[in-house]
């Protein structure tokens, strides 16, 4: 871990240094190093590795409002055909840190930002927040294109390039028992079959 200004690790912002009065706000531009993201067992690399994140901090009588914004591009394999793919990701994450609680050093899941630590919970780990914020906005799968046909389940051919000669047997043999049950019910005259 690299240590930045005044002994605070890089990627961590000491919110005490902002010295915000209630009703005041501040903008902090923070370089954030992003690591690879794993989705569906596949690694996706961010580009660039270090993004310029914008952190907005607003102070109120009840606590600190936090907002983190940045954009990045993830590159890795398509989850259907394994061809190279990329996805632009825009992050706009918000959190809150309550103030005025009797035990400010003990976190409260409902009132506290989980990325704050240190004395009086005022050191914000922007790197951890950025990593989790990227994961929260990802789609279920990253594809080379929406209409990707994927790979043949039998021979592994890329169906985006050409159709293979594999024959579709129709029904999966694991469903055969249900087909037999349906036929028996139909033969017995059960109209709901």
C-alpha atoms as a PDB file:
ATOM      1  CA  UNK A   1       0.000   0.000   0.000  1.00  0.00           C
ATOM      2  CA  UNK A   2       1.409   3.350  -1.011  1.00  0.00           C
ATOM      3  CA  UNK A   3       1.148   6.152   1.501  1.00  0.00           C
ATOM      4  CA  UNK A   4       0.161   9.577   0.254  1.00  0.00           C
ATOM      5  CA  UNK A   5      -0.117  12.969   1.929  1.00  0.00           C
ATOM      6  CA  UNK A   6       0.150  13.072   5.757  1.00  0.00           C
ATOM      7  CA  UNK A   7       0.409   9.306   6.216  1.00  0.00           C
ATOM      8  CA  UNK A   8      -2.977   8.557   4.626  1.00  0.00           C
ATOM      9  CA  UNK A   9      -2.822   5.662   2.097  1.00  0.00           C
ATOM     10  CA  UNK A  10      -3.305   6.522  -1.586  1.00  0.00           C
ATOM     11  CA  UNK A  11      -6.917   6.130  -2.641  1.00  0.00           C
ATOM     12  CA  UNK A  12      -8.037   7.309   0.798  1.00  0.00           C
ATOM     13  CA  UNK A  13      -9.386  10.808   1.414  1.00  0.00           C
ATOM     14  CA  UNK A  14      -9.137  12.289   4.905  1.00  0.00           C
ATOM     15  CA  UNK A  15     -12.464  14.128   5.153  1.00  0.00           C
ATOM     16  CA  UNK A  16     -11.280  16.048   8.240  1.00  0.00           C
ATOM     17  CA  UNK A  17      -8.958  18.052   5.976  1.00  0.00           C
ATOM     18  CA  UNK A  18     -11.990  19.455   4.138  1.00  0.00           C
ATOM     19  CA  UNK A  19     -13.111  21.202   7.349  1.00  0.00           C
ATOM     20  CA  UNK A  20     -16.710  21.583   6.172  1.00  0.00           C
ATOM     21  CA  UNK A  21     -19.229  23.610   8.147  1.00  0.00           C
ATOM     22  CA  UNK A  22     -22.885  22.463   8.058  1.00  0.00           C
ATOM     23  CA  UNK A  23     -24.406  23.447   4.731  1.00  0.00           C
ATOM     24  CA  UNK A  24     -21.029  23.581   2.967  1.00  0.00           C
ATOM     25  CA  UNK A  25     -19.731  21.284   0.269  1.00  0.00           C
ATOM     26  CA  UNK A  26     -16.487  20.414  -1.454  1.00  0.00           C
ATOM     27  CA  UNK A  27     -15.338  18.724  -4.620  1.00  0.00           C
ATOM     28  CA  UNK A  28     -12.245  16.541  -4.545  1.00  0.00           C
ATOM     29  CA  UNK A  29     -10.689  15.053  -7.677  1.00  0.00           C
ATOM     30  CA  UNK A  30      -9.143  11.728  -6.701  1.00  0.00           C
ATOM     31  CA  UNK A  31      -7.022   9.432  -8.873  1.00  0.00           C
ATOM     32  CA  UNK A  32      -8.318   5.911  -8.209  1.00  0.00           C
ATOM     33  CA  UNK A  33      -6.466   2.730  -9.188  1.00  0.00           C
ATOM     34  CA  UNK A  34      -8.934   0.113 -10.406  1.00  0.00           C
ATOM     35  CA  UNK A  35      -8.125  -3.586 -10.408  1.00  0.00           C
ATOM     36  CA  UNK A  36      -9.528  -6.314 -12.638  1.00  0.00           C
ATOM     37  CA  UNK A  37     -13.191  -7.169 -12.164  1.00  0.00           C
ATOM     38  CA  UNK A  38     -14.304 -10.815 -12.339  1.00  0.00           C
ATOM     39  CA  UNK A  39     -17.741 -11.478 -13.818  1.00  0.00           C
ATOM     40  CA  UNK A  40     -18.964 -14.990 -14.551  1.00  0.00           C
ATOM     41  CA  UNK A  41     -15.495 -16.336 -13.795  1.00  0.00           C
ATOM     42  CA  UNK A  42     -13.921 -14.135 -16.488  1.00  0.00           C
ATOM     43  CA  UNK A  43     -11.504 -11.270 -15.759  1.00  0.00           C
ATOM     44  CA  UNK A  44     -12.218  -7.806 -17.191  1.00  0.00           C
ATOM     45  CA  UNK A  45      -9.498  -5.163 -17.159  1.00  0.00           C
ATOM     46  CA  UNK A  46     -10.385  -1.504 -16.650  1.00  0.00           C
ATOM     47  CA  UNK A  47      -8.931   1.055 -18.991  1.00  0.00           C
ATOM     48  CA  UNK A  48      -7.344   3.205 -17.943  1.00  0.00           C
ATOM     49  CA  UNK A  49      -6.108   1.492 -14.786  1.00  0.00           C
ATOM     50  CA  UNK A  50      -6.182   4.797 -12.924  1.00  0.00           C
ATOM     51  CA  UNK A  51      -9.328   6.891 -13.361  1.00  0.00           C
ATOM     52  CA  UNK A  52      -9.943  10.468 -12.332  1.00  0.00           C
ATOM     53  CA  UNK A  53     -12.864  10.186  -9.933  1.00  0.00           C
ATOM     54  CA  UNK A  54     -14.911  13.130  -8.723  1.00  0.00           C
ATOM     55  CA  UNK A  55     -15.865  13.037  -5.054  1.00  0.00           C
ATOM     56  CA  UNK A  56     -18.508  15.490  -3.870  1.00  0.00           C
ATOM     57  CA  UNK A  57     -18.891  15.886  -0.111  1.00  0.00           C
ATOM     58  CA  UNK A  58     -21.753  17.843   1.404  1.00  0.00           C
ATOM     59  CA  UNK A  59     -22.076  18.591   5.096  1.00  0.00           C
ATOM     60  CA  UNK A  60     -25.401  18.931   6.880  1.00  0.00           C
ATOM     61  CA  UNK A  61     -26.497  18.982  10.485  1.00  0.00           C
ATOM     62  CA  UNK A  62     -27.165  15.239  10.306  1.00  0.00           C
ATOM     63  CA  UNK A  63     -23.968  14.097   8.595  1.00  0.00           C
ATOM     64  CA  UNK A  64     -22.017  13.947   5.363  1.00  0.00           C
ATOM     65  CA  UNK A  65     -23.487  13.207   1.952  1.00  0.00           C
ATOM     66  CA  UNK A  66     -20.979  11.499  -0.336  1.00  0.00           C
ATOM     67  CA  UNK A  67     -21.111  11.127  -4.120  1.00  0.00           C
ATOM     68  CA  UNK A  68     -18.512   9.393  -6.301  1.00  0.00           C
ATOM     69  CA  UNK A  69     -18.505   9.715 -10.114  1.00  0.00           C
ATOM     70  CA  UNK A  70     -16.215   8.411 -12.848  1.00  0.00           C
ATOM     71  CA  UNK A  71     -16.205   6.475 -16.109  1.00  0.00           C
ATOM     72  CA  UNK A  72     -14.095   3.548 -17.277  1.00  0.00           C
ATOM     73  CA  UNK A  73     -13.987   0.914 -20.000  1.00  0.00           C
ATOM     74  CA  UNK A  74     -13.825  -2.798 -19.178  1.00  0.00           C
ATOM     75  CA  UNK A  75     -12.269  -5.198 -21.693  1.00  0.00           C
ATOM     76  CA  UNK A  76     -12.323  -8.979 -21.648  1.00  0.00           C
ATOM     77  CA  UNK A  77     -13.988 -11.981 -23.292  1.00  0.00           C
ATOM     78  CA  UNK A  78     -17.577 -12.040 -24.544  1.00  0.00           C
ATOM     79  CA  UNK A  79     -19.517 -14.338 -22.233  1.00  0.00           C
ATOM     80  CA  UNK A  80     -21.192 -16.126 -25.163  1.00  0.00           C
ATOM     81  CA  UNK A  81     -18.446 -16.547 -27.795  1.00  0.00           C
ATOM     82  CA  UNK A  82     -15.240 -15.566 -25.925  1.00  0.00           C
ATOM     83  CA  UNK A  83     -14.314 -12.949 -28.566  1.00  0.00           C
ATOM     84  CA  UNK A  84     -12.736  -9.738 -27.263  1.00  0.00           C
ATOM     85  CA  UNK A  85     -15.369  -7.332 -25.970  1.00  0.00           C
ATOM     86  CA  UNK A  86     -15.565  -4.047 -24.145  1.00  0.00           C
ATOM     87  CA  UNK A  87     -18.126  -2.207 -22.083  1.00  0.00           C
ATOM     88  CA  UNK A  88     -18.239   1.438 -21.088  1.00  0.00           C
ATOM     89  CA  UNK A  89     -19.168   1.859 -17.430  1.00  0.00           C
ATOM     90  CA  UNK A  90     -20.384   5.065 -15.827  1.00  0.00           C
ATOM     91  CA  UNK A  91     -20.435   5.162 -12.040  1.00  0.00           C
ATOM     92  CA  UNK A  92     -22.540   7.557  -9.970  1.00  0.00           C
ATOM     93  CA  UNK A  93     -22.549   6.210  -6.398  1.00  0.00           C
ATOM     94  CA  UNK A  94     -23.939   7.870  -3.288  1.00  0.00           C
ATOM     95  CA  UNK A  95     -23.548   7.207   0.417  1.00  0.00           C
ATOM     96  CA  UNK A  96     -24.119   8.909   3.759  1.00  0.00           C
ATOM     97  CA  UNK A  97     -22.267   9.177   7.057  1.00  0.00           C
ATOM     98  CA  UNK A  98     -24.365  10.194  10.061  1.00  0.00           C
ATOM     99  CA  UNK A  99     -22.892  12.579  12.613  1.00  0.00           C
ATOM    100  CA  UNK A 100     -23.630  13.298  16.249  1.00  0.00           C
ATOM    101  CA  UNK A 101     -23.967   9.681  17.377  1.00  0.00           C
ATOM    102  CA  UNK A 102     -22.714   8.830  20.860  1.00  0.00           C
ATOM    103  CA  UNK A 103     -20.246   6.194  19.601  1.00  0.00           C
ATOM    104  CA  UNK A 104     -18.962   7.525  16.273  1.00  0.00           C
ATOM    105  CA  UNK A 105     -16.165   4.925  16.077  1.00  0.00           C
ATOM    106  CA  UNK A 106     -18.622   1.985  16.124  1.00  0.00           C
ATOM    107  CA  UNK A 107     -20.250   1.539  12.700  1.00  0.00           C
ATOM    108  CA  UNK A 108     -24.029   1.425  12.305  1.00  0.00           C
ATOM    109  CA  UNK A 109     -25.130  -0.265   9.066  1.00  0.00           C
ATOM    110  CA  UNK A 110     -28.124   2.031   8.657  1.00  0.00           C
ATOM    111  CA  UNK A 111     -26.359   5.329   9.288  1.00  0.00           C
ATOM    112  CA  UNK A 112     -22.762   4.884   8.221  1.00  0.00           C
ATOM    113  CA  UNK A 113     -20.812   4.620   5.003  1.00  0.00           C
ATOM    114  CA  UNK A 114     -18.975   1.279   5.058  1.00  0.00           C
ATOM    115  CA  UNK A 115     -15.960   2.820   3.301  1.00  0.00           C
ATOM    116  CA  UNK A 116     -15.108   5.144   6.187  1.00  0.00           C
ATOM    117  CA  UNK A 117     -12.542   4.170   8.808  1.00  0.00           C
ATOM    118  CA  UNK A 118      -9.866   5.741  10.942  1.00  0.00           C
ATOM    119  CA  UNK A 119     -10.250   8.316  13.705  1.00  0.00           C
ATOM    120  CA  UNK A 120     -13.887   9.393  13.995  1.00  0.00           C
ATOM    121  CA  UNK A 121     -14.593   7.364  10.802  1.00  0.00           C
ATOM    122  CA  UNK A 122     -13.397  10.231   8.602  1.00  0.00           C
ATOM    123  CA  UNK A 123     -10.967   8.454   6.232  1.00  0.00           C
ATOM    124  CA  UNK A 124     -12.839   7.496   3.052  1.00  0.00           C
ATOM    125  CA  UNK A 125     -11.445   4.501   1.127  1.00  0.00           C
ATOM    126  CA  UNK A 126     -12.303   5.728  -2.364  1.00  0.00           C
ATOM    127  CA  UNK A 127     -10.528   2.766  -4.010  1.00  0.00           C
ATOM    128  CA  UNK A 128     -12.730   0.175  -2.269  1.00  0.00           C
ATOM    129  CA  UNK A 129     -15.864   2.242  -2.910  1.00  0.00           C
ATOM    130  CA  UNK A 130     -14.966   2.609  -6.610  1.00  0.00           C
ATOM    131  CA  UNK A 131     -14.376  -1.151  -6.982  1.00  0.00           C
ATOM    132  CA  UNK A 132     -17.736  -2.001  -5.419  1.00  0.00           C
ATOM    133  CA  UNK A 133     -19.520   0.756  -7.358  1.00  0.00           C
ATOM    134  CA  UNK A 134     -18.270  -0.680 -10.669  1.00  0.00           C
ATOM    135  CA  UNK A 135     -19.496  -4.150  -9.660  1.00  0.00           C
ATOM    136  CA  UNK A 136     -22.935  -2.753  -8.797  1.00  0.00           C
ATOM    137  CA  UNK A 137     -23.525  -1.218 -12.248  1.00  0.00           C
ATOM    138  CA  UNK A 138     -22.367  -4.185 -14.350  1.00  0.00           C
ATOM    139  CA  UNK A 139     -24.918  -6.049 -16.473  1.00  0.00           C
ATOM    140  CA  UNK A 140     -25.497  -9.782 -15.932  1.00  0.00           C
ATOM    141  CA  UNK A 141     -23.135 -10.539 -18.820  1.00  0.00           C
ATOM    142  CA  UNK A 142     -20.692  -8.668 -21.029  1.00  0.00           C
ATOM    143  CA  UNK A 143     -21.165  -9.439 -24.717  1.00  0.00           C
ATOM    144  CA  UNK A 144     -19.279  -8.561 -27.901  1.00  0.00           C
ATOM    145  CA  UNK A 145     -22.667  -7.478 -29.279  1.00  0.00           C
ATOM    146  CA  UNK A 146     -26.256  -7.938 -28.125  1.00  0.00           C
ATOM    147  CA  UNK A 147     -27.163 -10.423 -30.894  1.00  0.00           C
ATOM    148  CA  UNK A 148     -24.102 -12.649 -30.303  1.00  0.00           C
ATOM    149  CA  UNK A 149     -24.999 -16.249 -31.232  1.00  0.00           C
ATOM    150  CA  UNK A 150     -22.304 -17.730 -28.993  1.00  0.00           C
ATOM    151  CA  UNK A 151     -20.558 -21.075 -29.354  1.00  0.00           C
ATOM    152  CA  UNK A 152     -22.074 -24.421 -30.341  1.00  0.00           C
ATOM    153  CA  UNK A 153     -22.597 -26.446 -27.166  1.00  0.00           C
ATOM    154  CA  UNK A 154     -21.489 -29.634 -28.959  1.00  0.00           C
ATOM    155  CA  UNK A 155     -18.475 -28.736 -31.105  1.00  0.00           C
ATOM    156  CA  UNK A 156     -17.517 -25.275 -29.825  1.00  0.00           C
ATOM    157  CA  UNK A 157     -17.785 -23.559 -33.225  1.00  0.00           C
ATOM    158  CA  UNK A 158     -18.300 -19.793 -33.191  1.00  0.00           C
ATOM    159  CA  UNK A 159     -21.885 -19.465 -34.456  1.00  0.00           C
ATOM    160  CA  UNK A 160     -21.275 -15.795 -35.291  1.00  0.00           C
ATOM    161  CA  UNK A 161     -18.872 -16.897 -38.050  1.00  0.00           C
ATOM    162  CA  UNK A 162     -20.776 -19.862 -39.522  1.00  0.00           C
ATOM    163  CA  UNK A 163     -23.310 -22.525 -38.636  1.00  0.00           C
ATOM    164  CA  UNK A 164     -21.834 -25.879 -37.667  1.00  0.00           C
ATOM    165  CA  UNK A 165     -22.992 -29.326 -38.843  1.00  0.00           C
ATOM    166  CA  UNK A 166     -24.158 -30.444 -35.403  1.00  0.00           C
ATOM    167  CA  UNK A 167     -27.677 -31.842 -35.282  1.00  0.00           C
ATOM    168  CA  UNK A 168     -30.095 -30.631 -32.635  1.00  0.00           C
ATOM    169  CA  UNK A 169     -31.673 -33.747 -31.129  1.00  0.00           C
ATOM    170  CA  UNK A 170     -34.591 -31.694 -29.935  1.00  0.00           C
ATOM    171  CA  UNK A 171     -35.449 -32.698 -26.396  1.00  0.00           C
ATOM    172  CA  UNK A 172     -32.792 -32.907 -23.734  1.00  0.00           C
ATOM    173  CA  UNK A 173     -32.747 -36.525 -22.449  1.00  0.00           C
ATOM    174  CA  UNK A 174     -32.970 -35.227 -18.887  1.00  0.00           C
ATOM    175  CA  UNK A 175     -36.561 -34.171 -19.676  1.00  0.00           C
ATOM    176  CA  UNK A 176     -37.566 -37.603 -21.035  1.00  0.00           C
ATOM    177  CA  UNK A 177     -39.208 -38.671 -17.767  1.00  0.00           C
ATOM    178  CA  UNK A 178     -41.447 -35.596 -17.827  1.00  0.00           C
ATOM    179  CA  UNK A 179     -42.394 -36.265 -21.459  1.00  0.00           C
ATOM    180  CA  UNK A 180     -43.390 -39.825 -20.499  1.00  0.00           C
ATOM    181  CA  UNK A 181     -45.492 -38.502 -17.617  1.00  0.00           C
ATOM    182  CA  UNK A 182     -47.208 -36.018 -19.930  1.00  0.00           C
ATOM    183  CA  UNK A 183     -48.017 -38.802 -22.427  1.00  0.00           C
ATOM    184  CA  UNK A 184     -49.436 -41.043 -19.662  1.00  0.00           C
ATOM    185  CA  UNK A 185     -51.603 -38.211 -18.339  1.00  0.00           C
ATOM    186  CA  UNK A 186     -52.846 -37.424 -21.848  1.00  0.00           C
ATOM    187  CA  UNK A 187     -53.665 -41.107 -22.449  1.00  0.00           C
ATOM    188  CA  UNK A 188     -55.571 -41.346 -19.158  1.00  0.00           C
ATOM    189  CA  UNK A 189     -57.839 -38.516 -20.265  1.00  0.00           C
ATOM    190  CA  UNK A 190     -56.583 -35.814 -17.899  1.00  0.00           C
ATOM    191  CA  UNK A 191     -57.478 -32.635 -19.764  1.00  0.00           C
ATOM    192  CA  UNK A 192     -54.929 -30.515 -17.875  1.00  0.00           C
ATOM    193  CA  UNK A 193     -51.971 -32.475 -19.305  1.00  0.00           C
END
